[in-house]
Amino acid sequence: MASLNVGNLGDYLREQRRNAKLSLRQLADAAGVSNPYLSQIERGLRKPSAEVLQQVAKALRISAETLYVRAGILDAERDRDEVETRAVILADPTLTEGQKQALLQIYESFRKENGFEAVRESHADDERADDEGADTPDAESDAGPQQTAS
């Protein structure tokens, strides 16, 4: 099931790269990913994270949301504002991974408080948050109450 979505993503990426007249190496350099990794994405062997898709979309000058839909991270009917907000946070080079995860947790808690459910289909992002920042978001979440109290 997922490999069909990833294959669809890979074919689409290859088509967009060729339309942009970029070699695989040029796109990999522009997106800040390795050439072999990008090749594996195009061949449907890897499912990239939302952050990698954001970088590739920026390098190709196309909508990251389109890539999210093709990768199966986002249903076409999902709330676009939430996806864009998450993508901007994940792509911000000035924030650490722990800070990004803390911001996402705060953002999701506010959405839930207001009656909206968070998009949780980006399993790669969720796993990375669990693996890389298991202690960091808890330590940094102390900033959350300070932000809401101001």
C-alpha atoms as a PDB file:
ATOM      1  CA  MET A   1       0.000   0.000   0.000  1.00  0.00           C
ATOM      2  CA  ALA A   2       2.617   2.576   1.084  1.00  0.00           C
ATOM      3  CA  SER A   3       4.995   1.527  -1.678  1.00  0.00           C
ATOM      4  CA  LEU A   4       2.342   2.407  -4.256  1.00  0.00           C
ATOM      5  CA  ASN A   5       2.127   5.911  -2.824  1.00  0.00           C
ATOM      6  CA  VAL A   6       5.897   6.182  -2.646  1.00  0.00           C
ATOM      7  CA  GLY A   7       6.223   4.913  -6.216  1.00  0.00           C
ATOM      8  CA  ASN A   8       3.678   7.475  -7.319  1.00  0.00           C
ATOM      9  CA  LEU A   9       5.721  10.098  -5.501  1.00  0.00           C
ATOM     10  CA  GLY A  10       8.946   8.907  -7.134  1.00  0.00           C
ATOM     11  CA  ASP A  11       7.494   9.005 -10.638  1.00  0.00           C
ATOM     12  CA  TYR A  12       6.093  12.459  -9.979  1.00  0.00           C
ATOM     13  CA  LEU A  13       9.415  13.730  -8.597  1.00  0.00           C
ATOM     14  CA  ARG A  14      11.326  12.356 -11.582  1.00  0.00           C
ATOM     15  CA  GLU A  15       8.882  14.056 -13.947  1.00  0.00           C
ATOM     16  CA  GLN A  16       9.159  17.379 -12.089  1.00  0.00           C
ATOM     17  CA  ARG A  17      12.959  17.137 -11.997  1.00  0.00           C
ATOM     18  CA  ARG A  18      13.124  16.475 -15.741  1.00  0.00           C
ATOM     19  CA  ASN A  19      10.705  19.330 -16.458  1.00  0.00           C
ATOM     20  CA  ALA A  20      12.995  21.597 -14.438  1.00  0.00           C
ATOM     21  CA  LYS A  21      15.931  20.295 -16.507  1.00  0.00           C
ATOM     22  CA  LEU A  22      17.838  19.226 -13.404  1.00  0.00           C
ATOM     23  CA  SER A  23      20.014  16.185 -13.020  1.00  0.00           C
ATOM     24  CA  LEU A  24      19.498  13.949 -10.010  1.00  0.00           C
ATOM     25  CA  ARG A  25      22.735  15.291  -8.550  1.00  0.00           C
ATOM     26  CA  GLN A  26      21.705  18.923  -9.092  1.00  0.00           C
ATOM     27  CA  LEU A  27      18.367  18.411  -7.361  1.00  0.00           C
ATOM     28  CA  ALA A  28      19.983  16.509  -4.497  1.00  0.00           C
ATOM     29  CA  ASP A  29      22.458  19.358  -3.967  1.00  0.00           C
ATOM     30  CA  ALA A  30      19.736  22.019  -4.167  1.00  0.00           C
ATOM     31  CA  ALA A  31      17.518  20.111  -1.713  1.00  0.00           C
ATOM     32  CA  GLY A  32      20.357  19.300   0.686  1.00  0.00           C
ATOM     33  CA  VAL A  33      19.914  15.522   0.483  1.00  0.00           C
ATOM     34  CA  SER A  34      22.281  12.855  -0.763  1.00  0.00           C
ATOM     35  CA  ASN A  35      22.215  11.777  -4.383  1.00  0.00           C
ATOM     36  CA  PRO A  36      21.670   8.069  -3.516  1.00  0.00           C
ATOM     37  CA  TYR A  37      18.827   8.923  -1.116  1.00  0.00           C
ATOM     38  CA  LEU A  38      17.038  11.021  -3.741  1.00  0.00           C
ATOM     39  CA  SER A  39      17.520   8.228  -6.268  1.00  0.00           C
ATOM     40  CA  GLN A  40      15.918   5.769  -3.854  1.00  0.00           C
ATOM     41  CA  ILE A  41      12.959   8.124  -3.375  1.00  0.00           C
ATOM     42  CA  GLU A  42      12.487   8.403  -7.138  1.00  0.00           C
ATOM     43  CA  ARG A  43      12.610   4.618  -7.494  1.00  0.00           C
ATOM     44  CA  GLY A  44      10.025   4.176  -4.733  1.00  0.00           C
ATOM     45  CA  LEU A  45      12.424   2.470  -2.323  1.00  0.00           C
ATOM     46  CA  ARG A  46      12.301   5.135   0.402  1.00  0.00           C
ATOM     47  CA  LYS A  47       9.534   7.196   1.942  1.00  0.00           C
ATOM     48  CA  PRO A  48      10.918  10.629   2.817  1.00  0.00           C
ATOM     49  CA  SER A  49       9.908  12.692   5.824  1.00  0.00           C
ATOM     50  CA  ALA A  50       7.784  15.811   5.466  1.00  0.00           C
ATOM     51  CA  GLU A  51      10.905  17.895   6.038  1.00  0.00           C
ATOM     52  CA  VAL A  52      12.772  16.248   3.137  1.00  0.00           C
ATOM     53  CA  LEU A  53       9.726  16.703   0.918  1.00  0.00           C
ATOM     54  CA  GLN A  54       9.634  20.377   1.898  1.00  0.00           C
ATOM     55  CA  GLN A  55      13.302  20.772   0.873  1.00  0.00           C
ATOM     56  CA  VAL A  56      12.770  18.973  -2.445  1.00  0.00           C
ATOM     57  CA  ALA A  57       9.652  21.028  -3.186  1.00  0.00           C
ATOM     58  CA  LYS A  58      11.551  24.230  -2.514  1.00  0.00           C
ATOM     59  CA  ALA A  59      14.391  23.141  -4.810  1.00  0.00           C
ATOM     60  CA  LEU A  60      11.895  22.263  -7.561  1.00  0.00           C
ATOM     61  CA  ARG A  61       9.820  25.394  -6.876  1.00  0.00           C
ATOM     62  CA  ILE A  62       6.634  23.400  -6.499  1.00  0.00           C
ATOM     63  CA  SER A  63       4.069  23.061  -3.724  1.00  0.00           C
ATOM     64  CA  ALA A  64       5.178  20.921  -0.801  1.00  0.00           C
ATOM     65  CA  GLU A  65       1.521  20.077  -0.222  1.00  0.00           C
ATOM     66  CA  THR A  66       1.405  18.327  -3.605  1.00  0.00           C
ATOM     67  CA  LEU A  67       4.321  16.149  -2.535  1.00  0.00           C
ATOM     68  CA  TYR A  68       2.653  15.422   0.825  1.00  0.00           C
ATOM     69  CA  VAL A  69      -0.474  14.198  -0.963  1.00  0.00           C
ATOM     70  CA  ARG A  70       1.568  12.059  -3.373  1.00  0.00           C
ATOM     71  CA  ALA A  71       3.567  10.586  -0.477  1.00  0.00           C
ATOM     72  CA  GLY A  72       0.409   9.684   1.427  1.00  0.00           C
ATOM     73  CA  ILE A  73       1.261  12.045   4.299  1.00  0.00           C
ATOM     74  CA  LEU A  74      -1.754  14.205   3.567  1.00  0.00           C
ATOM     75  CA  ASP A  75      -5.180  13.458   2.196  1.00  0.00           C
ATOM     76  CA  ALA A  76      -6.178  15.973  -0.450  1.00  0.00           C
ATOM     77  CA  GLU A  77      -9.120  16.992   1.751  1.00  0.00           C
ATOM     78  CA  ARG A  78      -7.081  17.661   4.918  1.00  0.00           C
ATOM     79  CA  ASP A  79      -6.746  21.069   6.501  1.00  0.00           C
ATOM     80  CA  ARG A  80      -4.125  22.822   4.365  1.00  0.00           C
ATOM     81  CA  ASP A  81      -3.283  25.476   6.928  1.00  0.00           C
ATOM     82  CA  GLU A  82      -2.193  22.872   9.447  1.00  0.00           C
ATOM     83  CA  VAL A  83       0.051  21.114   6.952  1.00  0.00           C
ATOM     84  CA  GLU A  84       1.635  24.357   5.846  1.00  0.00           C
ATOM     85  CA  THR A  85       2.218  25.436   9.447  1.00  0.00           C
ATOM     86  CA  ARG A  86       3.833  22.084  10.293  1.00  0.00           C
ATOM     87  CA  ALA A  87       5.992  22.245   7.153  1.00  0.00           C
ATOM     88  CA  VAL A  88       7.210  25.759   7.928  1.00  0.00           C
ATOM     89  CA  ILE A  89       8.149  24.775  11.475  1.00  0.00           C
ATOM     90  CA  LEU A  90       9.961  21.624  10.293  1.00  0.00           C
ATOM     91  CA  ALA A  91      11.827  23.508   7.565  1.00  0.00           C
ATOM     92  CA  ASP A  92      13.051  26.383   9.765  1.00  0.00           C
ATOM     93  CA  PRO A  93      16.859  26.085   9.819  1.00  0.00           C
ATOM     94  CA  THR A  94      17.176  28.383  12.855  1.00  0.00           C
ATOM     95  CA  LEU A  95      15.418  25.935  15.183  1.00  0.00           C
ATOM     96  CA  THR A  96      16.840  22.786  16.736  1.00  0.00           C
ATOM     97  CA  GLU A  97      14.988  19.486  16.347  1.00  0.00           C
ATOM     98  CA  GLY A  98      13.912  19.709  19.987  1.00  0.00           C
ATOM     99  CA  GLN A  99      12.557  23.223  19.495  1.00  0.00           C
ATOM    100  CA  LYS A 100      10.681  22.151  16.360  1.00  0.00           C
ATOM    101  CA  GLN A 101       9.078  19.239  18.187  1.00  0.00           C
ATOM    102  CA  ALA A 102       8.177  21.457  21.164  1.00  0.00           C
ATOM    103  CA  LEU A 103       6.520  23.995  18.844  1.00  0.00           C
ATOM    104  CA  LEU A 104       4.609  21.238  17.066  1.00  0.00           C
ATOM    105  CA  GLN A 105       3.382  19.867  20.382  1.00  0.00           C
ATOM    106  CA  ILE A 106       2.197  23.305  21.498  1.00  0.00           C
ATOM    107  CA  TYR A 107       0.548  23.931  18.125  1.00  0.00           C
ATOM    108  CA  GLU A 108      -1.239  20.568  18.220  1.00  0.00           C
ATOM    109  CA  SER A 109      -2.417  21.113  21.797  1.00  0.00           C
ATOM    110  CA  PHE A 110      -3.938  24.484  20.844  1.00  0.00           C
ATOM    111  CA  ARG A 111      -5.685  22.900  17.847  1.00  0.00           C
ATOM    112  CA  LYS A 112      -7.095  20.110  20.023  1.00  0.00           C
ATOM    113  CA  GLU A 113      -8.236  22.679  22.601  1.00  0.00           C
ATOM    114  CA  ASN A 114     -10.110  24.456  19.803  1.00  0.00           C
ATOM    115  CA  GLY A 115     -11.724  21.227  18.571  1.00  0.00           C
ATOM    116  CA  PHE A 116      -9.425  20.290  15.700  1.00  0.00           C
ATOM    117  CA  GLU A 117      -7.540  17.017  15.394  1.00  0.00           C
ATOM    118  CA  ALA A 118      -3.925  17.065  14.281  1.00  0.00           C
ATOM    119  CA  VAL A 119      -2.708  15.417  11.081  1.00  0.00           C
ATOM    120  CA  ARG A 120      -0.876  12.353  12.403  1.00  0.00           C
ATOM    121  CA  GLU A 121      -0.096  10.454   9.210  1.00  0.00           C
ATOM    122  CA  SER A 122       3.511  11.576   9.014  1.00  0.00           C
ATOM    123  CA  HIS A 123       4.835   8.476  10.776  1.00  0.00           C
ATOM    124  CA  ALA A 124       8.441   9.326   9.936  1.00  0.00           C
ATOM    125  CA  ASP A 125       8.152  12.646  11.780  1.00  0.00           C
ATOM    126  CA  ASP A 126       6.438  11.006  14.751  1.00  0.00           C
ATOM    127  CA  GLU A 127       9.079   8.293  15.006  1.00  0.00           C
ATOM    128  CA  ARG A 128      11.869  10.838  14.711  1.00  0.00           C
ATOM    129  CA  ALA A 129      10.297  12.906  17.489  1.00  0.00           C
ATOM    130  CA  ASP A 130      10.141   9.817  19.685  1.00  0.00           C
ATOM    131  CA  ASP A 131      13.680   8.665  18.873  1.00  0.00           C
ATOM    132  CA  GLU A 132      15.662  11.891  18.674  1.00  0.00           C
ATOM    133  CA  GLY A 133      13.924  14.158  21.116  1.00  0.00           C
ATOM    134  CA  ALA A 134      12.269  11.934  23.676  1.00  0.00           C
ATOM    135  CA  ASP A 135      13.648  13.981  26.565  1.00  0.00           C
ATOM    136  CA  THR A 136      14.123  17.293  24.770  1.00  0.00           C
ATOM    137  CA  PRO A 137      10.473  18.245  24.116  1.00  0.00           C
ATOM    138  CA  ASP A 138       9.587  17.534  27.746  1.00  0.00           C
ATOM    139  CA  ALA A 139      12.404  19.761  28.925  1.00  0.00           C
ATOM    140  CA  GLU A 140      11.550  22.477  26.444  1.00  0.00           C
ATOM    141  CA  SER A 141       7.784  22.225  26.907  1.00  0.00           C
ATOM    142  CA  ASP A 142       8.229  24.375  30.022  1.00  0.00           C
ATOM    143  CA  ALA A 143       8.285  27.253  27.532  1.00  0.00           C
ATOM    144  CA  GLY A 144       4.657  26.451  26.593  1.00  0.00           C
ATOM    145  CA  PRO A 145       2.989  27.757  29.790  1.00  0.00           C
ATOM    146  CA  GLN A 146       5.170  30.871  29.689  1.00  0.00           C
ATOM    147  CA  GLN A 147       3.976  31.597  26.173  1.00  0.00           C
ATOM    148  CA  THR A 148       0.308  31.144  27.053  1.00  0.00           C
ATOM    149  CA  ALA A 149       0.622  33.217  30.241  1.00  0.00           C
ATOM    150  CA  SER A 150       1.999  36.294  28.445  1.00  0.00           C
END
